[in-house]
PDB file of N, CA and C in Angstrom:
ATOM      1  N   GLY A   1     -50.262-102.100 -21.341  1.00  0.00           N
ATOM      2  CA  GLY A   1     -49.978-103.244 -20.548  1.00  0.00           C
ATOM      3  C   GLY A   1     -48.685-103.090 -19.771  1.00  0.00           C
ATOM      4  N   VAL A   2     -48.142-104.229 -19.466  1.00  0.00           N
ATOM      5  CA  VAL A   2     -46.936-104.291 -18.650  1.00  0.00           C
ATOM      6  C   VAL A   2     -45.742-103.695 -19.392  1.00  0.00           C
ATOM      7  N   HIS A   3     -45.699-103.866 -20.706  1.00  0.00           N
ATOM      8  CA  HIS A   3     -44.554-103.359 -21.452  1.00  0.00           C
ATOM      9  C   HIS A   3     -44.486-101.827 -21.378  1.00  0.00           C
ATOM     10  N   ARG A   4     -45.643-101.151 -21.323  1.00  0.00           N
ATOM     11  CA  ARG A   4     -45.641 -99.696 -21.178  1.00  0.00           C
ATOM     12  C   ARG A   4     -45.136 -99.284 -19.799  1.00  0.00           C
ATOM     13  N   GLN A   5     -45.528-100.015 -18.781  1.00  0.00           N
ATOM     14  CA  GLN A   5     -45.066 -99.705 -17.427  1.00  0.00           C
ATOM     15  C   GLN A   5     -43.552 -99.875 -17.320  1.00  0.00           C
ATOM     16  N   VAL A   6     -43.030-100.930 -17.914  1.00  0.00           N
ATOM     17  CA  VAL A   6     -41.579-101.151 -17.899  1.00  0.00           C
ATOM     18  C   VAL A   6     -40.883-100.044 -18.685  1.00  0.00           C
ATOM     19  N   LEU A   7     -41.435 -99.685 -19.839  1.00  0.00           N
ATOM     20  CA  LEU A   7     -40.844 -98.625 -20.650  1.00  0.00           C
ATOM     21  C   LEU A   7     -40.841 -97.297 -19.898  1.00  0.00           C
ATOM     22  N   LEU A   8     -41.965 -96.918 -19.294  1.00  0.00           N
ATOM     23  CA  LEU A   8     -42.044 -95.654 -18.576  1.00  0.00           C
ATOM     24  C   LEU A   8     -41.177 -95.653 -17.326  1.00  0.00           C
ATOM     25  N   ALA A   9     -41.090 -96.794 -16.646  1.00  0.00           N
ATOM     26  CA  ALA A   9     -40.210 -96.879 -15.472  1.00  0.00           C
ATOM     27  C   ALA A   9     -38.754 -96.716 -15.888  1.00  0.00           C
ATOM     28  N   THR A  10     -38.368 -97.342 -16.995  1.00  0.00           N
ATOM     29  CA  THR A  10     -37.003 -97.216 -17.501  1.00  0.00           C
ATOM     30  C   THR A  10     -36.726 -95.783 -17.936  1.00  0.00           C
ATOM     31  N   LEU A  11     -37.677 -95.178 -18.612  1.00  0.00           N
ATOM     32  CA  LEU A  11     -37.523 -93.796 -19.049  1.00  0.00           C
ATOM     33  C   LEU A  11     -37.414 -92.860 -17.844  1.00  0.00           C
ATOM     34  N   GLY A  12     -38.234 -93.053 -16.834  1.00  0.00           N
ATOM     35  CA  GLY A  12     -38.170 -92.238 -15.628  1.00  0.00           C
ATOM     36  C   GLY A  12     -36.846 -92.396 -14.906  1.00  0.00           C
ATOM     37  N   TRP A  13     -36.354 -93.630 -14.827  1.00  0.00           N
ATOM     38  CA  TRP A  13     -35.055 -93.862 -14.183  1.00  0.00           C
ATOM     39  C   TRP A  13     -33.948 -93.137 -14.942  1.00  0.00           C
ATOM     40  N   PHE A  14     -33.981 -93.225 -16.279  1.00  0.00           N
ATOM     41  CA  PHE A  14     -32.945 -92.605 -17.090  1.00  0.00           C
ATOM     42  C   PHE A  14     -32.969 -91.082 -16.953  1.00  0.00           C
ATOM     43  N   VAL A  15     -34.153 -90.484 -17.018  1.00  0.00           N
ATOM     44  CA  VAL A  15     -34.268 -89.024 -16.881  1.00  0.00           C
ATOM     45  C   VAL A  15     -33.822 -88.597 -15.485  1.00  0.00           C
ATOM     46  N   GLY A  16     -34.230 -89.320 -14.455  1.00  0.00           N
ATOM     47  CA  GLY A  16     -33.807 -89.004 -13.096  1.00  0.00           C
ATOM     48  C   GLY A  16     -32.308 -89.119 -12.928  1.00  0.00           C
ATOM     49  N   TYR A  17     -31.729 -90.144 -13.503  1.00  0.00           N
ATOM     50  CA  TYR A  17     -30.275 -90.332 -13.438  1.00  0.00           C
ATOM     51  C   TYR A  17     -29.545 -89.168 -14.086  1.00  0.00           C
ATOM     52  N   GLN A  18     -30.030 -88.736 -15.252  1.00  0.00           N
ATOM     53  CA  GLN A  18     -29.391 -87.621 -15.954  1.00  0.00           C
ATOM     54  C   GLN A  18     -29.539 -86.313 -15.177  1.00  0.00           C
ATOM     55  N   LEU A  19     -30.699 -86.093 -14.554  1.00  0.00           N
ATOM     56  CA  LEU A  19     -30.903 -84.884 -13.764  1.00  0.00           C
ATOM     57  C   LEU A  19     -30.004 -84.851 -12.533  1.00  0.00           C
ATOM     58  N   VAL A  20     -29.862 -85.983 -11.867  1.00  0.00           N
ATOM     59  CA  VAL A  20     -28.985 -86.050 -10.690  1.00  0.00           C
ATOM     60  C   VAL A  20     -27.527 -85.834 -11.111  1.00  0.00           C
ATOM     61  N   LYS A  21     -27.145 -86.435 -12.229  1.00  0.00           N
ATOM     62  CA  LYS A  21     -25.774 -86.277 -12.719  1.00  0.00           C
ATOM     63  C   LYS A  21     -25.486 -84.826 -13.063  1.00  0.00           C
ATOM     64  N   ARG A  22     -26.432 -84.138 -13.690  1.00  0.00           N
ATOM     65  CA  ARG A  22     -26.250 -82.728 -14.033  1.00  0.00           C
ATOM     66  C   ARG A  22     -26.188 -81.870 -12.779  1.00  0.00           C
ATOM     67  N   ALA A  23     -27.037 -82.142 -11.795  1.00  0.00           N
ATOM     68  CA  ALA A  23     -27.025 -81.365 -10.553  1.00  0.00           C
ATOM     69  C   ALA A  23     -25.692 -81.534  -9.829  1.00  0.00           C
ATOM     70  N   GLU A  24     -25.182 -82.754  -9.771  1.00  0.00           N
ATOM     71  CA  GLU A  24     -23.889 -82.991  -9.130  1.00  0.00           C
ATOM     72  C   GLU A  24     -22.770 -82.276  -9.879  1.00  0.00           C
ATOM     73  N   TYR A  25     -22.848 -82.245 -11.210  1.00  0.00           N
ATOM     74  CA  TYR A  25     -21.849 -81.527 -12.004  1.00  0.00           C
ATOM     75  C   TYR A  25     -21.891 -80.031 -11.705  1.00  0.00           C
ATOM     76  N   MET A  26     -23.086 -79.467 -11.646  1.00  0.00           N
ATOM     77  CA  MET A  26     -23.217 -78.036 -11.381  1.00  0.00           C
ATOM     78  C   MET A  26     -22.696 -77.694  -9.980  1.00  0.00           C
ATOM     79  N   HIS A  27     -23.013 -78.518  -8.977  1.00  0.00           N
ATOM     80  CA  HIS A  27     -22.510 -78.273  -7.629  1.00  0.00           C
ATOM     81  C   HIS A  27     -20.983 -78.400  -7.573  1.00  0.00           C
ATOM     82  N   ALA A  28     -20.425 -79.366  -8.280  1.00  0.00           N
ATOM     83  CA  ALA A  28     -18.967 -79.529  -8.303  1.00  0.00           C
ATOM     84  C   ALA A  28     -18.310 -78.335  -8.991  1.00  0.00           C
ATOM     85  N   LYS A  29     -18.941 -77.819 -10.023  1.00  0.00           N
ATOM     86  CA  LYS A  29     -18.401 -76.662 -10.728  1.00  0.00           C
ATOM     87  C   LYS A  29     -18.382 -75.434  -9.819  1.00  0.00           C
ATOM     88  N   VAL A  30     -19.470 -75.205  -9.092  1.00  0.00           N
ATOM     89  CA  VAL A  30     -19.532 -74.067  -8.166  1.00  0.00           C
ATOM     90  C   VAL A  30     -18.495 -74.238  -7.060  1.00  0.00           C
ATOM     91  N   ASP A  31     -18.378 -75.448  -6.507  1.00  0.00           N
ATOM     92  CA  ASP A  31     -17.382 -75.701  -5.463  1.00  0.00           C
ATOM     93  C   ASP A  31     -15.972 -75.428  -5.974  1.00  0.00           C
ATOM     94  N   ARG A  32     -15.682 -75.880  -7.187  1.00  0.00           N
ATOM     95  CA  ARG A  32     -14.353 -75.675  -7.757  1.00  0.00           C
ATOM     96  C   ARG A  32     -14.067 -74.186  -7.920  1.00  0.00           C
ATOM     97  N   GLU A  33     -15.055 -73.409  -8.379  1.00  0.00           N
ATOM     98  CA  GLU A  33     -14.859 -71.968  -8.546  1.00  0.00           C
ATOM     99  C   GLU A  33     -14.667 -71.280  -7.198  1.00  0.00           C
ATOM    100  N   LEU A  34     -15.445 -71.684  -6.195  1.00  0.00           N
ATOM    101  CA  LEU A  34     -15.310 -71.065  -4.875  1.00  0.00           C
ATOM    102  C   LEU A  34     -13.966 -71.382  -4.241  1.00  0.00           C
ATOM    103  N   PHE A  35     -13.534 -72.629  -4.328  1.00  0.00           N
ATOM    104  CA  PHE A  35     -12.240 -72.998  -3.749  1.00  0.00           C
ATOM    105  C   PHE A  35     -11.094 -72.296  -4.473  1.00  0.00           C
ATOM    106  N   GLU A  36     -11.233 -72.101  -5.782  1.00  0.00           N
ATOM    107  CA  GLU A  36     -10.216 -71.380  -6.532  1.00  0.00           C
ATOM    108  C   GLU A  36     -10.168 -69.917  -6.091  1.00  0.00           C
ATOM    109  N   TYR A  37     -11.334 -69.321  -5.865  1.00  0.00           N
ATOM    110  CA  TYR A  37     -11.382 -67.941  -5.383  1.00  0.00           C
ATOM    111  C   TYR A  37     -10.746 -67.834  -3.996  1.00  0.00           C
ATOM    112  N   ILE A  38     -11.073 -68.786  -3.132  1.00  0.00           N
ATOM    113  CA  ILE A  38     -10.495 -68.779  -1.779  1.00  0.00           C
ATOM    114  C   ILE A  38      -8.981 -68.946  -1.851  1.00  0.00           C
ATOM    115  N   ARG A  39      -8.503 -69.772  -2.768  1.00  0.00           N
ATOM    116  CA  ARG A  39      -7.064 -69.984  -2.909  1.00  0.00           C
ATOM    117  C   ARG A  39      -6.355 -68.710  -3.372  1.00  0.00           C
ATOM    118  N   HIS A  40      -7.013 -67.926  -4.230  1.00  0.00           N
ATOM    119  CA  HIS A  40      -6.399 -66.704  -4.745  1.00  0.00           C
ATOM    120  C   HIS A  40      -6.567 -65.505  -3.808  1.00  0.00           C
ATOM    121  N   HIS A  41      -7.532 -65.569  -2.879  1.00  0.00           N
ATOM    122  CA  HIS A  41      -7.788 -64.458  -1.954  1.00  0.00           C
ATOM    123  C   HIS A  41      -7.798 -64.962  -0.513  1.00  0.00           C
ATOM    124  N   PRO A  42      -6.669 -65.444   0.002  1.00  0.00           N
ATOM    125  CA  PRO A  42      -6.672 -66.013   1.358  1.00  0.00           C
ATOM    126  C   PRO A  42      -6.907 -64.970   2.439  1.00  0.00           C
ATOM    127  N   GLY A  43      -6.601 -63.709   2.184  1.00  0.00           N
ATOM    128  CA  GLY A  43      -6.790 -62.669   3.196  1.00  0.00           C
ATOM    129  C   GLY A  43      -8.245 -62.429   3.541  1.00  0.00           C
ATOM    130  N   ASP A  44      -9.134 -62.691   2.605  1.00  0.00           N
ATOM    131  CA  ASP A  44     -10.560 -62.481   2.854  1.00  0.00           C
ATOM    132  C   ASP A  44     -11.169 -63.573   3.722  1.00  0.00           C
ATOM    133  N   PHE A  45     -10.465 -64.680   3.910  1.00  0.00           N
ATOM    134  CA  PHE A  45     -11.044 -65.833   4.586  1.00  0.00           C
ATOM    135  C   PHE A  45     -10.231 -66.273   5.795  1.00  0.00           C
ATOM    136  N   ARG A  46      -9.559 -65.353   6.428  1.00  0.00           N
ATOM    137  CA  ARG A  46      -8.789 -65.721   7.618  1.00  0.00           C
ATOM    138  C   ARG A  46      -9.729 -65.953   8.779  1.00  0.00           C
ATOM    139  N   SER A  47      -9.485 -67.009   9.508  1.00  0.00           N
ATOM    140  CA  SER A  47     -10.322 -67.286  10.673  1.00  0.00           C
ATOM    141  C   SER A  47      -9.849 -66.433  11.844  1.00  0.00           C
ATOM    142  N   ALA A  48     -10.770 -66.091  12.692  1.00  0.00           N
ATOM    143  CA  ALA A  48     -10.434 -65.301  13.876  1.00  0.00           C
ATOM    144  C   ALA A  48      -9.595 -66.158  14.818  1.00  0.00           C
ATOM    145  N   THR A  49      -8.636 -65.531  15.472  1.00  0.00           N
ATOM    146  CA  THR A  49      -7.774 -66.287  16.378  1.00  0.00           C
ATOM    147  C   THR A  49      -8.541 -66.726  17.610  1.00  0.00           C
ATOM    148  N   GLU A  50      -9.525 -65.937  18.008  1.00  0.00           N
ATOM    149  CA  GLU A  50     -10.296 -66.266  19.199  1.00  0.00           C
ATOM    150  C   GLU A  50     -11.749 -66.503  18.802  1.00  0.00           C
ATOM    151  N   LYS A  51     -12.274 -67.665  19.122  1.00  0.00           N
ATOM    152  CA  LYS A  51     -13.647 -67.966  18.777  1.00  0.00           C
ATOM    153  C   LYS A  51     -14.585 -67.313  19.786  1.00  0.00           C
ATOM    154  N   LYS A  52     -15.707 -66.804  19.275  1.00  0.00           N
ATOM    155  CA  LYS A  52     -16.686 -66.171  20.143  1.00  0.00           C
ATOM    156  C   LYS A  52     -17.629 -67.228  20.697  1.00  0.00           C
ATOM    157  N   ARG A  53     -18.065 -66.987  21.898  1.00  0.00           N
ATOM    158  CA  ARG A  53     -19.043 -67.882  22.510  1.00  0.00           C
ATOM    159  C   ARG A  53     -20.434 -67.445  22.070  1.00  0.00           C
ATOM    160  N   ILE A  54     -21.418 -68.323  22.207  1.00  0.00           N
ATOM    161  CA  ILE A  54     -22.770 -68.024  21.754  1.00  0.00           C
ATOM    162  C   ILE A  54     -23.357 -66.846  22.528  1.00  0.00           C
ATOM    163  N   GLY A  55     -22.988 -66.687  23.778  1.00  0.00           N
ATOM    164  CA  GLY A  55     -23.473 -65.569  24.579  1.00  0.00           C
ATOM    165  C   GLY A  55     -22.960 -64.225  24.068  1.00  0.00           C
ATOM    166  N   GLU A  56     -21.810 -64.210  23.451  1.00  0.00           N
ATOM    167  CA  GLU A  56     -21.267 -62.973  22.896  1.00  0.00           C
ATOM    168  C   GLU A  56     -21.932 -62.607  21.569  1.00  0.00           C
ATOM    169  N   LEU A  57     -22.483 -63.598  20.884  1.00  0.00           N
ATOM    170  CA  LEU A  57     -23.125 -63.347  19.599  1.00  0.00           C
ATOM    171  C   LEU A  57     -24.553 -62.855  19.740  1.00  0.00           C
ATOM    172  N   LEU A  58     -25.257 -63.323  20.776  1.00  0.00           N
ATOM    173  CA  LEU A  58     -26.654 -62.970  20.966  1.00  0.00           C
ATOM    174  C   LEU A  58     -26.783 -61.733  21.832  1.00  0.00           C
ATOM    175  N   GLU A  59     -27.874 -60.980  21.594  1.00  0.00           N
ATOM    176  CA  GLU A  59     -28.149 -59.808  22.429  1.00  0.00           C
ATOM    177  C   GLU A  59     -28.704 -60.268  23.765  1.00  0.00           C
ATOM    178  N   ASP A  60     -28.556 -59.402  24.776  1.00  0.00           N
ATOM    179  CA  ASP A  60     -29.100 -59.723  26.088  1.00  0.00           C
ATOM    180  C   ASP A  60     -30.615 -59.722  26.030  1.00  0.00           C
ATOM    181  N   PHE A  61     -31.217 -60.627  26.779  1.00  0.00           N
ATOM    182  CA  PHE A  61     -32.677 -60.751  26.799  1.00  0.00           C
ATOM    183  C   PHE A  61     -33.218 -59.932  27.961  1.00  0.00           C
ATOM    184  N   HIS A  62     -34.147 -59.026  27.658  1.00  0.00           N
ATOM    185  CA  HIS A  62     -34.793 -58.214  28.686  1.00  0.00           C
ATOM    186  C   HIS A  62     -36.298 -58.425  28.560  1.00  0.00           C
ATOM    187  N   PRO A  63     -36.906 -59.136  29.503  1.00  0.00           N
ATOM    188  CA  PRO A  63     -38.354 -59.376  29.385  1.00  0.00           C
ATOM    189  C   PRO A  63     -39.138 -58.068  29.513  1.00  0.00           C
ATOM    190  N   ILE A  64     -40.279 -58.007  28.833  1.00  0.00           N
ATOM    191  CA  ILE A  64     -41.103 -56.786  28.839  1.00  0.00           C
ATOM    192  C   ILE A  64     -41.776 -56.575  30.182  1.00  0.00           C
ATOM    193  N   ARG A  65     -42.267 -57.624  30.808  1.00  0.00           N
ATOM    194  CA  ARG A  65     -42.979 -57.471  32.081  1.00  0.00           C
ATOM    195  C   ARG A  65     -42.050 -57.473  33.243  1.00  0.00           C
TER     196      ARG A  65
END
């Protein structure tokens, strides 16, 4: 009956909440490790002084016909 639907809906909400909380924790943990690595190795992550334009990144297009 209705009590089973309420029970299963509550159970589904709780399991979903726990899964989302765990996923957010795992993403925060990875972010923290990456930022710590970047902080300890700043030479590996220096930005280029001059930004490239999209035309410099792509190869020239030569049609076949």
